[in-house]
Amino acid sequence: MKKLLLLSALLIFTCSSDDDNSNTDACPAQDALLEQFEAAAVAFADSPSSTTCPAYISSLELFIQCGEGFTPSELEQFEQIVDTIDCSIY
């Protein structure tokens, strides 16, 4: 189930990515943001732990804040994933 959530988020992000640079203030470049998110998602999916879980949540929260080209519905899906994952169980 967790891997499905992670892969869903990754798929949504990859399919919705946009080259518009409207969020440049405190956000990494979109390529760097995607790389960070992918690395955290894969690490958490491969080895859920008290280290990889918060890293994944942090990368997803940054992604919600800085990702470009997403609909409100897609952002809500990302927020639901953040709300669903309980890092205290690791």
Protein backbone atom coordinates (compact mmCIF):
# COMPACT_ATOMS: atom_id res chain seq x y z
CA MET A 1 0.00 0.00 0.00
CA LYS A 2 2.78 2.43 0.93
CA LYS A 3 4.68 1.71 -2.25
CA LEU A 4 1.50 2.32 -4.22
CA LEU A 5 1.08 5.73 -2.58
CA LEU A 6 4.70 6.63 -3.25
CA LEU A 7 4.60 5.51 -6.84
CA SER A 8 1.30 7.32 -7.40
CA ALA A 9 2.80 10.55 -6.14
CA LEU A 10 5.85 10.06 -8.30
CA LEU A 11 3.73 9.33 -11.37
CA ILE A 12 1.54 12.37 -10.81
CA PHE A 13 4.58 14.58 -10.41
CA THR A 14 6.36 13.21 -13.45
CA CYS A 15 3.30 13.53 -15.66
CA SER A 16 2.43 17.02 -14.44
CA SER A 17 5.86 18.61 -14.50
CA ASP A 18 6.04 22.01 -16.18
CA ASP A 19 8.99 24.17 -17.22
CA ASP A 20 7.43 27.42 -15.97
CA ASN A 21 9.76 29.11 -13.45
CA SER A 22 7.22 31.00 -11.35
CA ASN A 23 8.33 29.57 -7.95
CA THR A 24 11.98 30.61 -7.97
CA ASP A 25 12.26 32.51 -4.65
CA ALA A 26 13.13 29.80 -2.12
CA CYS A 27 12.60 26.73 -4.25
CA PRO A 28 15.13 24.54 -5.99
CA ALA A 29 15.03 24.26 -9.75
CA GLN A 30 12.35 21.85 -10.96
CA ASP A 31 14.91 19.26 -12.10
CA ALA A 32 16.61 19.34 -8.70
CA LEU A 33 13.24 19.19 -6.95
CA LEU A 34 12.26 16.13 -8.98
CA GLU A 35 15.59 14.41 -8.31
CA GLN A 36 15.31 15.07 -4.57
CA PHE A 37 11.73 13.81 -4.46
CA GLU A 38 12.51 10.69 -6.52
CA ALA A 39 15.51 9.80 -4.35
CA ALA A 40 13.51 10.22 -1.13
CA ALA A 41 10.53 8.26 -2.50
CA VAL A 42 12.69 5.36 -3.68
CA ALA A 43 14.68 5.27 -0.42
CA PHE A 44 11.49 5.21 1.64
CA ALA A 45 9.81 2.60 -0.57
CA ASP A 46 12.89 0.37 -0.48
CA SER A 47 13.60 0.74 3.22
CA PRO A 48 10.96 2.46 5.34
CA SER A 49 12.63 3.74 8.52
CA SER A 50 12.74 6.58 11.02
CA THR A 51 15.25 8.26 8.69
CA THR A 52 13.75 7.69 5.25
CA CYS A 53 10.16 8.47 6.26
CA PRO A 54 10.74 12.06 7.46
CA ALA A 55 13.03 12.66 4.48
CA TYR A 56 10.26 11.53 2.14
CA ILE A 57 7.65 13.66 3.92
CA SER A 58 9.94 16.72 3.81
CA SER A 59 10.66 16.25 0.12
CA LEU A 60 6.95 15.83 -0.61
CA GLU A 61 6.07 18.97 1.37
CA LEU A 62 8.71 20.93 -0.54
CA PHE A 63 7.33 19.43 -3.71
CA ILE A 64 3.80 20.63 -2.79
CA GLN A 65 5.16 24.12 -2.12
CA CYS A 66 7.46 24.42 -5.14
CA GLY A 67 6.26 22.01 -7.80
CA GLU A 68 4.97 23.76 -10.89
CA GLY A 69 2.15 22.92 -13.23
CA PHE A 70 -0.14 21.10 -10.79
CA THR A 71 -3.89 21.40 -10.50
CA PRO A 72 -5.47 21.99 -7.09
CA SER A 73 -6.72 18.40 -7.24
CA GLU A 74 -3.21 17.04 -7.75
CA LEU A 75 -1.86 19.15 -4.89
CA GLU A 76 -4.67 17.82 -2.68
CA GLN A 77 -3.62 14.26 -3.56
CA PHE A 78 -0.06 15.04 -2.47
CA GLU A 79 -1.33 16.57 0.78
CA GLN A 80 -3.42 13.45 1.42
CA ILE A 81 -0.31 11.31 1.05
CA VAL A 82 1.51 13.50 3.59
CA ASP A 83 -1.44 13.17 5.97
CA THR A 84 -1.66 9.39 5.46
CA ILE A 85 1.95 8.47 6.25
CA ASP A 86 2.70 8.03 9.94
CA CYS A 87 6.46 8.17 10.47
CA SER A 88 6.07 7.36 14.19
CA ILE A 89 5.59 3.68 13.35
CA TYR A 90 9.18 3.33 12.17
